PDB file of N, CA and C in Angstrom:
ATOM      1  N   UNK A   1     -61.853 132.237-177.882  1.00  0.00           N
ATOM      2  CA  UNK A   1     -60.807 132.698-178.550  1.00  0.00           C
ATOM      3  C   UNK A   1     -60.842 131.667-179.938  1.00  0.00           C
ATOM      4  N   UNK A   2     -60.895 132.503-181.023  1.00  0.00           N
ATOM      5  CA  UNK A   2     -60.815 131.715-182.364  1.00  0.00           C
ATOM      6  C   UNK A   2     -59.740 130.953-182.363  1.00  0.00           C
ATOM      7  N   UNK A   3     -59.813 129.824-183.147  1.00  0.00           N
ATOM      8  CA  UNK A   3     -58.580 128.974-183.240  1.00  0.00           C
ATOM      9  C   UNK A   3     -57.960 129.170-184.649  1.00  0.00           C
ATOM     10  N   UNK A   4     -56.640 129.426-184.467  1.00  0.00           N
ATOM     11  CA  UNK A   4     -56.013 130.108-186.066  1.00  0.00           C
ATOM     12  C   UNK A   4     -55.139 128.612-186.478  1.00  0.00           C
ATOM     13  N   UNK A   5     -55.313 128.158-187.535  1.00  0.00           N
ATOM     14  CA  UNK A   5     -54.583 127.116-188.376  1.00  0.00           C
ATOM     15  C   UNK A   5     -54.008 127.366-189.558  1.00  0.00           C
ATOM     16  N   UNK A   6     -52.834 126.987-189.780  1.00  0.00           N
ATOM     17  CA  UNK A   6     -52.104 127.170-190.956  1.00  0.00           C
ATOM     18  C   UNK A   6     -52.743 126.280-192.189  1.00  0.00           C
ATOM     19  N   UNK A   7     -53.126 125.315-191.639  1.00  0.00           N
ATOM     20  CA  UNK A   7     -53.410 124.077-192.477  1.00  0.00           C
ATOM     21  C   UNK A   7     -55.037 124.235-192.748  1.00  0.00           C
ATOM     22  N   UNK A   8     -55.513 123.379-193.746  1.00  0.00           N
ATOM     23  CA  UNK A   8     -57.246 123.526-193.897  1.00  0.00           C
ATOM     24  C   UNK A   8     -57.830 122.913-192.636  1.00  0.00           C
ATOM     25  N   UNK A   9     -58.854 123.690-192.509  1.00  0.00           N
ATOM     26  CA  UNK A   9     -59.767 123.159-191.236  1.00  0.00           C
ATOM     27  C   UNK A   9     -59.790 121.747-191.279  1.00  0.00           C
ATOM     28  N   UNK A  10     -60.039 120.962-190.042  1.00  0.00           N
ATOM     29  CA  UNK A  10     -59.944 119.427-190.066  1.00  0.00           C
ATOM     30  C   UNK A  10     -61.708 119.304-190.606  1.00  0.00           C
ATOM     31  N   UNK A  11     -62.702 120.028-190.345  1.00  0.00           N
ATOM     32  CA  UNK A  11     -63.755 119.818-190.870  1.00  0.00           C
ATOM     33  C   UNK A  11     -63.845 119.903-192.422  1.00  0.00           C
ATOM     34  N   UNK A  12     -63.020 120.355-193.059  1.00  0.00           N
ATOM     35  CA  UNK A  12     -62.971 120.598-194.277  1.00  0.00           C
ATOM     36  C   UNK A  12     -62.171 119.478-195.244  1.00  0.00           C
ATOM     37  N   UNK A  13     -61.582 118.717-194.369  1.00  0.00           N
ATOM     38  CA  UNK A  13     -60.621 117.645-195.221  1.00  0.00           C
ATOM     39  C   UNK A  13     -61.414 116.824-196.210  1.00  0.00           C
ATOM     40  N   UNK A  14     -62.927 116.411-195.646  1.00  0.00           N
ATOM     41  CA  UNK A  14     -63.620 115.746-196.630  1.00  0.00           C
ATOM     42  C   UNK A  14     -64.018 116.520-197.822  1.00  0.00           C
ATOM     43  N   UNK A  15     -63.969 118.056-197.888  1.00  0.00           N
ATOM     44  CA  UNK A  15     -64.374 118.789-198.738  1.00  0.00           C
ATOM     45  C   UNK A  15     -63.237 119.156-199.843  1.00  0.00           C
ATOM     46  N   UNK A  16     -61.942 119.070-199.685  1.00  0.00           N
ATOM     47  CA  UNK A  16     -60.954 119.525-200.489  1.00  0.00           C
ATOM     48  C   UNK A  16     -60.937 118.581-201.486  1.00  0.00           C
ATOM     49  N   UNK A  17     -60.793 118.689-202.889  1.00  0.00           N
ATOM     50  CA  UNK A  17     -60.688 117.935-203.822  1.00  0.00           C
ATOM     51  C   UNK A  17     -59.136 117.828-204.232  1.00  0.00           C
ATOM     52  N   UNK A  18     -58.872 119.267-204.443  1.00  0.00           N
ATOM     53  CA  UNK A  18     -57.252 119.235-204.786  1.00  0.00           C
ATOM     54  C   UNK A  18     -56.765 120.689-204.916  1.00  0.00           C
ATOM     55  N   UNK A  19     -55.385 120.759-204.580  1.00  0.00           N
ATOM     56  CA  UNK A  19     -55.051 122.122-204.730  1.00  0.00           C
ATOM     57  C   UNK A  19     -54.523 122.273-206.421  1.00  0.00           C
ATOM     58  N   UNK A  20     -54.878 123.375-207.078  1.00  0.00           N
ATOM     59  CA  UNK A  20     -54.379 123.456-208.394  1.00  0.00           C
ATOM     60  C   UNK A  20     -53.252 124.199-208.402  1.00  0.00           C
ATOM     61  N   UNK A  21     -53.187 125.025-207.480  1.00  0.00           N
ATOM     62  CA  UNK A  21     -51.877 126.028-207.797  1.00  0.00           C
ATOM     63  C   UNK A  21     -51.156 126.372-206.080  1.00  0.00           C
ATOM     64  N   UNK A  22     -50.125 126.477-205.609  1.00  0.00           N
ATOM     65  CA  UNK A  22     -49.827 126.780-204.623  1.00  0.00           C
ATOM     66  C   UNK A  22     -48.327 127.352-204.716  1.00  0.00           C
ATOM     67  N   UNK A  23     -48.389 128.452-204.014  1.00  0.00           N
ATOM     68  CA  UNK A  23     -46.993 129.105-204.409  1.00  0.00           C
ATOM     69  C   UNK A  23     -46.816 130.052-203.138  1.00  0.00           C
ATOM     70  N   UNK A  24     -45.923 130.544-202.676  1.00  0.00           N
ATOM     71  CA  UNK A  24     -45.943 131.617-201.575  1.00  0.00           C
ATOM     72  C   UNK A  24     -46.768 132.814-201.741  1.00  0.00           C
ATOM     73  N   UNK A  25     -47.562 132.624-200.927  1.00  0.00           N
ATOM     74  CA  UNK A  25     -48.617 133.961-200.634  1.00  0.00           C
ATOM     75  C   UNK A  25     -49.895 133.791-201.630  1.00  0.00           C
ATOM     76  N   UNK A  26     -49.962 132.709-202.284  1.00  0.00           N
ATOM     77  CA  UNK A  26     -51.119 132.376-203.326  1.00  0.00           C
ATOM     78  C   UNK A  26     -51.458 130.861-203.250  1.00  0.00           C
ATOM     79  N   UNK A  27     -52.845 130.593-203.543  1.00  0.00           N
ATOM     80  CA  UNK A  27     -53.110 129.092-203.597  1.00  0.00           C
ATOM     81  C   UNK A  27     -54.369 129.261-204.468  1.00  0.00           C
ATOM     82  N   UNK A  28     -54.836 128.020-204.893  1.00  0.00           N
ATOM     83  CA  UNK A  28     -55.922 127.861-205.645  1.00  0.00           C
ATOM     84  C   UNK A  28     -56.537 126.578-205.215  1.00  0.00           C
ATOM     85  N   UNK A  29     -57.657 126.292-204.492  1.00  0.00           N
ATOM     86  CA  UNK A  29     -57.951 124.970-204.030  1.00  0.00           C
ATOM     87  C   UNK A  29     -59.478 124.741-204.505  1.00  0.00           C
ATOM     88  N   UNK A  30     -59.776 123.444-205.027  1.00  0.00           N
ATOM     89  CA  UNK A  30     -60.984 123.148-205.207  1.00  0.00           C
ATOM     90  C   UNK A  30     -61.498 122.202-204.373  1.00  0.00           C
ATOM     91  N   UNK A  31     -62.763 122.842-204.072  1.00  0.00           N
ATOM     92  CA  UNK A  31     -63.650 122.359-202.905  1.00  0.00           C
ATOM     93  C   UNK A  31     -65.016 121.701-203.360  1.00  0.00           C
ATOM     94  N   UNK A  32     -65.441 120.706-202.746  1.00  0.00           N
ATOM     95  CA  UNK A  32     -66.960 120.168-203.104  1.00  0.00           C
ATOM     96  C   UNK A  32     -67.841 119.780-201.940  1.00  0.00           C
ATOM     97  N   UNK A  33     -68.833 120.424-201.981  1.00  0.00           N
ATOM     98  CA  UNK A  33     -69.890 120.502-200.792  1.00  0.00           C
ATOM     99  C   UNK A  33     -71.154 119.906-201.123  1.00  0.00           C
ATOM    100  N   UNK A  34     -71.787 118.866-200.294  1.00  0.00           N
ATOM    101  CA  UNK A  34     -72.973 118.593-200.519  1.00  0.00           C
ATOM    102  C   UNK A  34     -74.041 119.300-199.991  1.00  0.00           C
ATOM    103  N   UNK A  35     -75.330 119.234-200.071  1.00  0.00           N
ATOM    104  CA  UNK A  35     -76.343 120.379-199.470  1.00  0.00           C
ATOM    105  C   UNK A  35     -76.333 120.317-198.030  1.00  0.00           C
ATOM    106  N   UNK A  36     -75.639 119.076-197.239  1.00  0.00           N
ATOM    107  CA  UNK A  36     -75.766 119.057-196.027  1.00  0.00           C
ATOM    108  C   UNK A  36     -74.409 119.388-195.382  1.00  0.00           C
ATOM    109  N   UNK A  37     -73.022 119.808-196.125  1.00  0.00           N
ATOM    110  CA  UNK A  37     -71.914 120.352-195.687  1.00  0.00           C
ATOM    111  C   UNK A  37     -71.821 121.624-195.816  1.00  0.00           C
ATOM    112  N   UNK A  38     -70.909 122.596-194.953  1.00  0.00           N
ATOM    113  CA  UNK A  38     -70.390 123.816-195.210  1.00  0.00           C
ATOM    114  C   UNK A  38     -69.089 123.877-194.815  1.00  0.00           C
ATOM    115  N   UNK A  39     -68.716 125.197-195.268  1.00  0.00           N
ATOM    116  CA  UNK A  39     -67.490 125.606-194.864  1.00  0.00           C
ATOM    117  C   UNK A  39     -67.802 126.640-193.763  1.00  0.00           C
ATOM    118  N   UNK A  40     -67.326 126.144-192.209  1.00  0.00           N
ATOM    119  CA  UNK A  40     -67.772 127.021-191.201  1.00  0.00           C
ATOM    120  C   UNK A  40     -67.373 128.437-190.950  1.00  0.00           C
ATOM    121  N   UNK A  41     -68.372 129.204-190.197  1.00  0.00           N
ATOM    122  CA  UNK A  41     -67.499 130.486-190.125  1.00  0.00           C
ATOM    123  C   UNK A  41     -66.525 130.873-189.602  1.00  0.00           C
ATOM    124  N   UNK A  42     -65.927 131.763-190.640  1.00  0.00           N
ATOM    125  CA  UNK A  42     -64.154 131.595-190.254  1.00  0.00           C
ATOM    126  C   UNK A  42     -63.887 133.069-191.155  1.00  0.00           C
ATOM    127  N   UNK A  43     -62.482 133.497-190.898  1.00  0.00           N
ATOM    128  CA  UNK A  43     -62.014 134.575-191.553  1.00  0.00           C
ATOM    129  C   UNK A  43     -60.535 134.139-191.878  1.00  0.00           C
ATOM    130  N   UNK A  44     -59.668 134.936-192.570  1.00  0.00           N
ATOM    131  CA  UNK A  44     -58.339 135.032-192.720  1.00  0.00           C
ATOM    132  C   UNK A  44     -57.709 136.124-192.388  1.00  0.00           C
ATOM    133  N   UNK A  45     -56.408 136.005-191.600  1.00  0.00           N
ATOM    134  CA  UNK A  45     -55.670 137.151-191.201  1.00  0.00           C
ATOM    135  C   UNK A  45     -55.052 138.135-192.422  1.00  0.00           C
ATOM    136  N   UNK A  46     -54.864 137.646-193.298  1.00  0.00           N
ATOM    137  CA  UNK A  46     -53.968 138.030-194.476  1.00  0.00           C
ATOM    138  C   UNK A  46     -54.609 138.084-196.039  1.00  0.00           C
ATOM    139  N   UNK A  47     -55.125 136.663-196.203  1.00  0.00           N
ATOM    140  CA  UNK A  47     -55.511 136.568-197.499  1.00  0.00           C
ATOM    141  C   UNK A  47     -57.056 136.834-197.785  1.00  0.00           C
ATOM    142  N   UNK A  48     -57.314 137.270-199.074  1.00  0.00           N
ATOM    143  CA  UNK A  48     -58.655 137.274-199.613  1.00  0.00           C
ATOM    144  C   UNK A  48     -59.246 136.119-200.406  1.00  0.00           C
ATOM    145  N   UNK A  49     -60.356 135.893-200.229  1.00  0.00           N
ATOM    146  CA  UNK A  49     -60.949 134.674-200.839  1.00  0.00           C
ATOM    147  C   UNK A  49     -61.773 135.334-202.043  1.00  0.00           C
ATOM    148  N   UNK A  50     -61.679 134.658-203.184  1.00  0.00           N
ATOM    149  CA  UNK A  50     -62.252 134.914-204.415  1.00  0.00           C
ATOM    150  C   UNK A  50     -63.067 133.550-204.972  1.00  0.00           C
ATOM    151  N   UNK A  51     -64.249 133.390-205.105  1.00  0.00           N
ATOM    152  CA  UNK A  51     -64.851 132.092-205.381  1.00  0.00           C
ATOM    153  C   UNK A  51     -65.539 132.142-206.964  1.00  0.00           C
ATOM    154  N   UNK A  52     -65.222 130.877-207.552  1.00  0.00           N
ATOM    155  CA  UNK A  52     -65.709 130.533-208.891  1.00  0.00           C
ATOM    156  C   UNK A  52     -66.176 129.071-208.694  1.00  0.00           C
ATOM    157  N   UNK A  53     -67.387 129.146-209.279  1.00  0.00           N
ATOM    158  CA  UNK A  53     -68.289 127.967-208.975  1.00  0.00           C
ATOM    159  C   UNK A  53     -68.033 126.921-210.482  1.00  0.00           C
ATOM    160  N   UNK A  54     -67.800 125.771-210.275  1.00  0.00           N
ATOM    161  CA  UNK A  54     -67.740 124.769-211.426  1.00  0.00           C
ATOM    162  C   UNK A  54     -69.338 123.933-211.699  1.00  0.00           C
ATOM    163  N   UNK A  55     -69.723 123.604-210.656  1.00  0.00           N
ATOM    164  CA  UNK A  55     -70.883 123.092-210.680  1.00  0.00           C
ATOM    165  C   UNK A  55     -71.753 123.111-209.532  1.00  0.00           C
ATOM    166  N   UNK A  56     -73.154 123.238-209.755  1.00  0.00           N
ATOM    167  CA  UNK A  56     -73.994 123.311-208.708  1.00  0.00           C
ATOM    168  C   UNK A  56     -74.091 125.008-208.096  1.00  0.00           C
ATOM    169  N   UNK A  57     -74.589 125.140-206.884  1.00  0.00           N
ATOM    170  CA  UNK A  57     -74.760 126.581-206.356  1.00  0.00           C
ATOM    171  C   UNK A  57     -74.110 126.705-204.836  1.00  0.00           C
ATOM    172  N   UNK A  58     -73.498 127.783-204.870  1.00  0.00           N
ATOM    173  CA  UNK A  58     -72.719 127.969-203.593  1.00  0.00           C
ATOM    174  C   UNK A  58     -73.370 129.539-203.003  1.00  0.00           C
ATOM    175  N   UNK A  59     -73.662 129.356-201.836  1.00  0.00           N
ATOM    176  CA  UNK A  59     -73.979 130.756-201.029  1.00  0.00           C
ATOM    177  C   UNK A  59     -72.763 131.021-200.026  1.00  0.00           C
ATOM    178  N   UNK A  60     -72.470 132.392-200.145  1.00  0.00           N
ATOM    179  CA  UNK A  60     -71.489 133.013-199.293  1.00  0.00           C
ATOM    180  C   UNK A  60     -72.377 133.936-198.327  1.00  0.00           C
ATOM    181  N   UNK A  61     -72.327 133.638-197.158  1.00  0.00           N
ATOM    182  CA  UNK A  61     -72.866 134.667-196.285  1.00  0.00           C
ATOM    183  C   UNK A  61     -71.693 135.294-195.332  1.00  0.00           C
ATOM    184  N   UNK A  62     -72.043 136.526-195.090  1.00  0.00           N
ATOM    185  CA  UNK A  62     -71.115 137.523-194.771  1.00  0.00           C
ATOM    186  C   UNK A  62     -71.293 138.411-193.607  1.00  0.00           C
ATOM    187  N   UNK A  63     -70.527 138.807-192.784  1.00  0.00           N
ATOM    188  CA  UNK A  63     -70.662 139.555-191.470  1.00  0.00           C
ATOM    189  C   UNK A  63     -69.881 140.918-191.728  1.00  0.00           C
ATOM    190  N   UNK A  64     -70.024 141.982-191.019  1.00  0.00           N
ATOM    191  CA  UNK A  64     -69.295 143.030-191.111  1.00  0.00           C
ATOM    192  C   UNK A  64     -68.875 143.537-192.341  1.00  0.00           C
ATOM    193  N   UNK A  65     -69.837 144.162-193.308  1.00  0.00           N
ATOM    194  CA  UNK A  65     -71.441 144.168-192.936  1.00  0.00           C
ATOM    195  C   UNK A  65     -72.088 142.892-193.730  1.00  0.00           C
ATOM    196  N   UNK A  66     -73.350 142.649-192.965  1.00  0.00           N
ATOM    197  CA  UNK A  66     -74.121 141.560-193.486  1.00  0.00           C
ATOM    198  C   UNK A  66     -74.377 141.387-194.981  1.00  0.00           C
ATOM    199  N   UNK A  67     -74.300 140.321-195.567  1.00  0.00           N
ATOM    200  CA  UNK A  67     -74.508 140.237-196.845  1.00  0.00           C
ATOM    201  C   UNK A  67     -74.476 138.780-197.234  1.00  0.00           C
ATOM    202  N   UNK A  68     -75.307 138.319-198.248  1.00  0.00           N
ATOM    203  CA  UNK A  68     -75.522 136.895-198.665  1.00  0.00           C
ATOM    204  C   UNK A  68     -75.156 137.038-200.323  1.00  0.00           C
ATOM    205  N   UNK A  69     -74.463 135.984-201.137  1.00  0.00           N
ATOM    206  CA  UNK A  69     -74.247 135.925-202.264  1.00  0.00           C
ATOM    207  C   UNK A  69     -74.068 134.806-202.784  1.00  0.00           C
ATOM    208  N   UNK A  70     -75.316 134.528-203.768  1.00  0.00           N
ATOM    209  CA  UNK A  70     -75.373 133.348-204.333  1.00  0.00           C
ATOM    210  C   UNK A  70     -74.965 133.093-205.687  1.00  0.00           C
ATOM    211  N   UNK A  71     -74.135 132.044-206.011  1.00  0.00           N
ATOM    212  CA  UNK A  71     -73.474 132.001-207.136  1.00  0.00           C
ATOM    213  C   UNK A  71     -73.826 130.468-207.924  1.00  0.00           C
ATOM    214  N   UNK A  72     -73.861 130.526-209.201  1.00  0.00           N
ATOM    215  CA  UNK A  72     -74.298 129.382-210.040  1.00  0.00           C
ATOM    216  C   UNK A  72     -73.031 128.972-210.942  1.00  0.00           C
ATOM    217  N   UNK A  73     -73.222 127.809-211.454  1.00  0.00           N
ATOM    218  CA  UNK A  73     -71.995 127.180-212.126  1.00  0.00           C
ATOM    219  C   UNK A  73     -71.431 128.455-213.323  1.00  0.00           C
ATOM    220  N   UNK A  74     -70.258 128.637-213.477  1.00  0.00           N
ATOM    221  CA  UNK A  74     -69.708 129.825-214.311  1.00  0.00           C
ATOM    222  C   UNK A  74     -69.707 131.082-213.629  1.00  0.00           C
ATOM    223  N   UNK A  75     -70.284 131.506-212.564  1.00  0.00           N
ATOM    224  CA  UNK A  75     -69.984 132.586-212.136  1.00  0.00           C
ATOM    225  C   UNK A  75     -69.063 132.832-210.868  1.00  0.00           C
ATOM    226  N   UNK A  76     -68.433 134.055-210.612  1.00  0.00           N
ATOM    227  CA  UNK A  76     -67.349 134.126-209.646  1.00  0.00           C
ATOM    228  C   UNK A  76     -68.107 135.534-208.888  1.00  0.00           C
ATOM    229  N   UNK A  77     -67.152 135.656-207.647  1.00  0.00           N
ATOM    230  CA  UNK A  77     -67.553 136.714-206.794  1.00  0.00           C
ATOM    231  C   UNK A  77     -66.362 136.887-205.889  1.00  0.00           C
ATOM    232  N   UNK A  78     -65.928 138.148-205.358  1.00  0.00           N
ATOM    233  CA  UNK A  78     -64.822 138.402-204.619  1.00  0.00           C
ATOM    234  C   UNK A  78     -64.426 139.683-204.593  1.00  0.00           C
ATOM    235  N   UNK A  79     -63.250 140.076-203.875  1.00  0.00           N
ATOM    236  CA  UNK A  79     -62.778 138.933-202.614  1.00  0.00           C
ATOM    237  C   UNK A  79     -63.536 139.517-201.716  1.00  0.00           C
ATOM    238  N   UNK A  80     -63.690 138.328-200.659  1.00  0.00           N
ATOM    239  CA  UNK A  80     -63.847 138.600-199.151  1.00  0.00           C
ATOM    240  C   UNK A  80     -62.518 139.309-198.392  1.00  0.00           C
ATOM    241  N   UNK A  81     -62.437 140.231-198.143  1.00  0.00           N
ATOM    242  CA  UNK A  81     -61.312 140.921-197.581  1.00  0.00           C
ATOM    243  C   UNK A  81     -60.853 140.322-196.236  1.00  0.00           C
ATOM    244  N   UNK A  82     -59.570 140.539-196.035  1.00  0.00           N
ATOM    245  CA  UNK A  82     -59.096 139.558-194.697  1.00  0.00           C
ATOM    246  C   UNK A  82     -59.835 140.167-193.561  1.00  0.00           C
ATOM    247  N   UNK A  83     -59.984 139.495-192.586  1.00  0.00           N
ATOM    248  CA  UNK A  83     -60.788 139.651-191.506  1.00  0.00           C
ATOM    249  C   UNK A  83     -62.332 139.601-191.404  1.00  0.00           C
ATOM    250  N   UNK A  84     -62.968 139.679-192.697  1.00  0.00           N
ATOM    251  CA  UNK A  84     -64.403 139.554-192.923  1.00  0.00           C
ATOM    252  C   UNK A  84     -64.697 138.271-192.746  1.00  0.00           C
ATOM    253  N   UNK A  85     -65.828 137.801-191.678  1.00  0.00           N
ATOM    254  CA  UNK A  85     -66.246 136.607-191.425  1.00  0.00           C
ATOM    255  C   UNK A  85     -67.213 136.123-192.515  1.00  0.00           C
ATOM    256  N   UNK A  86     -67.021 134.759-192.768  1.00  0.00           N
ATOM    257  CA  UNK A  86     -67.798 134.403-194.008  1.00  0.00           C
ATOM    258  C   UNK A  86     -68.275 132.980-193.674  1.00  0.00           C
ATOM    259  N   UNK A  87     -69.278 132.330-194.358  1.00  0.00           N
ATOM    260  CA  UNK A  87     -69.877 131.025-194.179  1.00  0.00           C
ATOM    261  C   UNK A  87     -70.048 130.644-195.546  1.00  0.00           C
ATOM    262  N   UNK A  88     -69.678 129.365-196.086  1.00  0.00           N
ATOM    263  CA  UNK A  88     -69.674 129.090-197.271  1.00  0.00           C
ATOM    264  C   UNK A  88     -70.736 127.682-197.273  1.00  0.00           C
ATOM    265  N   UNK A  89     -71.903 127.769-197.937  1.00  0.00           N
ATOM    266  CA  UNK A  89     -73.039 126.625-197.789  1.00  0.00           C
ATOM    267  C   UNK A  89     -73.392 126.331-199.388  1.00  0.00           C
ATOM    268  N   UNK A  90     -74.131 125.219-199.499  1.00  0.00           N
ATOM    269  CA  UNK A  90     -74.785 124.838-200.874  1.00  0.00           C
ATOM    270  C   UNK A  90     -76.080 124.997-200.638  1.00  0.00           C
ATOM    271  N   UNK A  91     -76.762 125.893-201.173  1.00  0.00           N
ATOM    272  CA  UNK A  91     -78.274 126.028-201.141  1.00  0.00           C
ATOM    273  C   UNK A  91     -78.991 125.100-202.235  1.00  0.00           C
ATOM    274  N   UNK A  92     -78.331 124.303-202.850  1.00  0.00           N
ATOM    275  CA  UNK A  92     -78.963 123.521-203.806  1.00  0.00           C
ATOM    276  C   UNK A  92     -79.128 122.152-203.530  1.00  0.00           C
ATOM    277  N   UNK A  93     -79.736 121.356-204.241  1.00  0.00           N
ATOM    278  CA  UNK A  93     -80.036 119.741-204.078  1.00  0.00           C
ATOM    279  C   UNK A  93     -79.188 119.028-204.526  1.00  0.00           C
ATOM    280  N   UNK A  94     -77.916 119.591-205.340  1.00  0.00           N
ATOM    281  CA  UNK A  94     -76.919 118.854-205.903  1.00  0.00           C
ATOM    282  C   UNK A  94     -75.523 119.255-205.415  1.00  0.00           C
ATOM    283  N   UNK A  95     -74.664 118.354-205.348  1.00  0.00           N
ATOM    284  CA  UNK A  95     -73.150 118.678-204.849  1.00  0.00           C
ATOM    285  C   UNK A  95     -72.810 119.786-205.536  1.00  0.00           C
ATOM    286  N   UNK A  96     -72.346 120.854-204.935  1.00  0.00           N
ATOM    287  CA  UNK A  96     -71.578 121.979-205.688  1.00  0.00           C
ATOM    288  C   UNK A  96     -69.920 121.798-205.569  1.00  0.00           C
ATOM    289  N   UNK A  97     -69.073 122.285-206.764  1.00  0.00           N
ATOM    290  CA  UNK A  97     -67.780 122.187-206.955  1.00  0.00           C
ATOM    291  C   UNK A  97     -67.280 123.540-207.241  1.00  0.00           C
ATOM    292  N   UNK A  98     -66.502 124.124-206.375  1.00  0.00           N
ATOM    293  CA  UNK A  98     -66.074 125.515-206.440  1.00  0.00           C
ATOM    294  C   UNK A  98     -64.449 125.514-206.374  1.00  0.00           C
ATOM    295  N   UNK A  99     -63.702 126.770-206.900  1.00  0.00           N
ATOM    296  CA  UNK A  99     -62.436 126.772-206.505  1.00  0.00           C
ATOM    297  C   UNK A  99     -62.604 128.287-205.649  1.00  0.00           C
ATOM    298  N   UNK A 100     -61.427 128.253-204.820  1.00  0.00           N
ATOM    299  CA  UNK A 100     -61.088 129.156-203.987  1.00  0.00           C
ATOM    300  C   UNK A 100     -59.681 129.700-204.281  1.00  0.00           C
ATOM    301  N   UNK A 101     -59.764 131.005-204.787  1.00  0.00           N
ATOM    302  CA  UNK A 101     -58.406 131.734-205.108  1.00  0.00           C
ATOM    303  C   UNK A 101     -57.962 132.408-203.707  1.00  0.00           C
ATOM    304  N   UNK A 102     -56.933 132.252-203.292  1.00  0.00           N
ATOM    305  CA  UNK A 102     -56.484 132.945-202.076  1.00  0.00           C
ATOM    306  C   UNK A 102     -55.331 133.633-201.811  1.00  0.00           C
ATOM    307  N   UNK A 103     -55.239 134.852-201.976  1.00  0.00           N
ATOM    308  CA  UNK A 103     -53.895 135.633-201.751  1.00  0.00           C
ATOM    309  C   UNK A 103     -54.115 136.889-201.412  1.00  0.00           C
ATOM    310  N   UNK A 104     -53.465 137.780-201.525  1.00  0.00           N
ATOM    311  CA  UNK A 104     -51.840 137.472-201.458  1.00  0.00           C
ATOM    312  C   UNK A 104     -51.346 137.663-200.082  1.00  0.00           C
ATOM    313  N   UNK A 105     -50.876 136.588-199.557  1.00  0.00           N
ATOM    314  CA  UNK A 105     -50.349 136.788-197.958  1.00  0.00           C
ATOM    315  C   UNK A 105     -50.247 135.367-197.450  1.00  0.00           C
ATOM    316  N   UNK A 106     -49.907 135.279-196.195  1.00  0.00           N
ATOM    317  CA  UNK A 106     -49.723 133.910-195.701  1.00  0.00           C
ATOM    318  C   UNK A 106     -51.071 133.357-195.098  1.00  0.00           C
ATOM    319  N   UNK A 107     -51.548 132.042-195.859  1.00  0.00           N
ATOM    320  CA  UNK A 107     -52.936 131.625-195.385  1.00  0.00           C
ATOM    321  C   UNK A 107     -52.972 131.331-194.054  1.00  0.00           C
ATOM    322  N   UNK A 108     -54.159 131.185-193.403  1.00  0.00           N
ATOM    323  CA  UNK A 108     -54.812 130.745-192.366  1.00  0.00           C
ATOM    324  C   UNK A 108     -56.089 130.717-192.247  1.00  0.00           C
ATOM    325  N   UNK A 109     -56.638 129.960-191.165  1.00  0.00           N
ATOM    326  CA  UNK A 109     -58.105 129.387-191.400  1.00  0.00           C
ATOM    327  C   UNK A 109     -58.400 129.957-189.892  1.00  0.00           C
ATOM    328  N   UNK A 110     -59.048 131.129-189.569  1.00  0.00           N
ATOM    329  CA  UNK A 110     -59.345 131.479-188.410  1.00  0.00           C
ATOM    330  C   UNK A 110     -60.935 131.055-187.885  1.00  0.00           C
ATOM    331  N   UNK A 111     -60.998 130.108-187.340  1.00  0.00           N
ATOM    332  CA  UNK A 111     -62.574 129.147-186.996  1.00  0.00           C
ATOM    333  C   UNK A 111     -63.164 130.315-186.081  1.00  0.00           C
ATOM    334  N   UNK A 112     -64.464 130.667-186.295  1.00  0.00           N
ATOM    335  CA  UNK A 112     -65.188 131.734-185.557  1.00  0.00           C
ATOM    336  C   UNK A 112     -66.265 130.964-184.902  1.00  0.00           C
ATOM    337  N   UNK A 113     -66.879 131.445-183.804  1.00  0.00           N
ATOM    338  CA  UNK A 113     -67.790 130.800-183.216  1.00  0.00           C
ATOM    339  C   UNK A 113     -69.098 131.103-183.903  1.00  0.00           C
ATOM    340  N   UNK A 114     -70.238 130.351-183.853  1.00  0.00           N
ATOM    341  CA  UNK A 114     -71.515 130.570-184.725  1.00  0.00           C
ATOM    342  C   UNK A 114     -72.041 131.862-184.752  1.00  0.00           C
ATOM    343  N   UNK A 115     -72.145 132.593-185.873  1.00  0.00           N
ATOM    344  CA  UNK A 115     -72.707 133.883-185.869  1.00  0.00           C
ATOM    345  C   UNK A 115     -74.051 134.176-185.787  1.00  0.00           C
ATOM    346  N   UNK A 116     -74.467 134.352-184.541  1.00  0.00           N
ATOM    347  CA  UNK A 116     -76.057 134.720-184.469  1.00  0.00           C
ATOM    348  C   UNK A 116     -76.798 133.448-184.744  1.00  0.00           C
ATOM    349  N   UNK A 117     -76.431 132.269-184.322  1.00  0.00           N
ATOM    350  CA  UNK A 117     -77.105 131.169-184.610  1.00  0.00           C
ATOM    351  C   UNK A 117     -77.422 130.779-186.232  1.00  0.00           C
ATOM    352  N   UNK A 118     -76.886 131.539-186.991  1.00  0.00           N
ATOM    353  CA  UNK A 118     -76.874 131.512-188.366  1.00  0.00           C
ATOM    354  C   UNK A 118     -75.838 130.543-189.200  1.00  0.00           C
ATOM    355  N   UNK A 119     -75.677 129.370-188.856  1.00  0.00           N
ATOM    356  CA  UNK A 119     -74.705 128.765-189.634  1.00  0.00           C
ATOM    357  C   UNK A 119     -75.288 127.437-190.525  1.00  0.00           C
ATOM    358  N   UNK A 120     -76.670 127.570-190.902  1.00  0.00           N
ATOM    359  CA  UNK A 120     -77.057 126.628-191.800  1.00  0.00           C
ATOM    360  C   UNK A 120     -77.553 127.415-193.018  1.00  0.00           C
ATOM    361  N   UNK A 121     -77.660 126.658-193.942  1.00  0.00           N
ATOM    362  CA  UNK A 121     -78.454 127.259-195.058  1.00  0.00           C
ATOM    363  C   UNK A 121     -79.856 127.913-194.751  1.00  0.00           C
ATOM    364  N   UNK A 122     -79.962 128.953-195.862  1.00  0.00           N
ATOM    365  CA  UNK A 122     -81.287 129.502-195.535  1.00  0.00           C
ATOM    366  C   UNK A 122     -81.526 130.901-195.958  1.00  0.00           C
TER     367      UNK A 122
END
């Protein structure tokens, strides 16, 4: 059974740089991931994720339906609809810094099992 958490996933505590905005039903978080780190497979019950890359490269891998989106600095993409499984990785050689805009609704982070063994960049 997936684990639901109202706070940031414990594995992500090293990646969260800061929250730039937080109000009921909406937040903007800045995250930083090295090429060996990832935001594991997860989904959200109510909120949508929209990504904006500040530095480096970010890959968003999605299921239902399957898709991959690669973003470079200055690019944005989204939203990932509530309930859609997604994984965030860094396909580059340098650290990636990006913003995640999340709303409108109650934030949660529903950890999902590895999706068909595809939890690594590639």
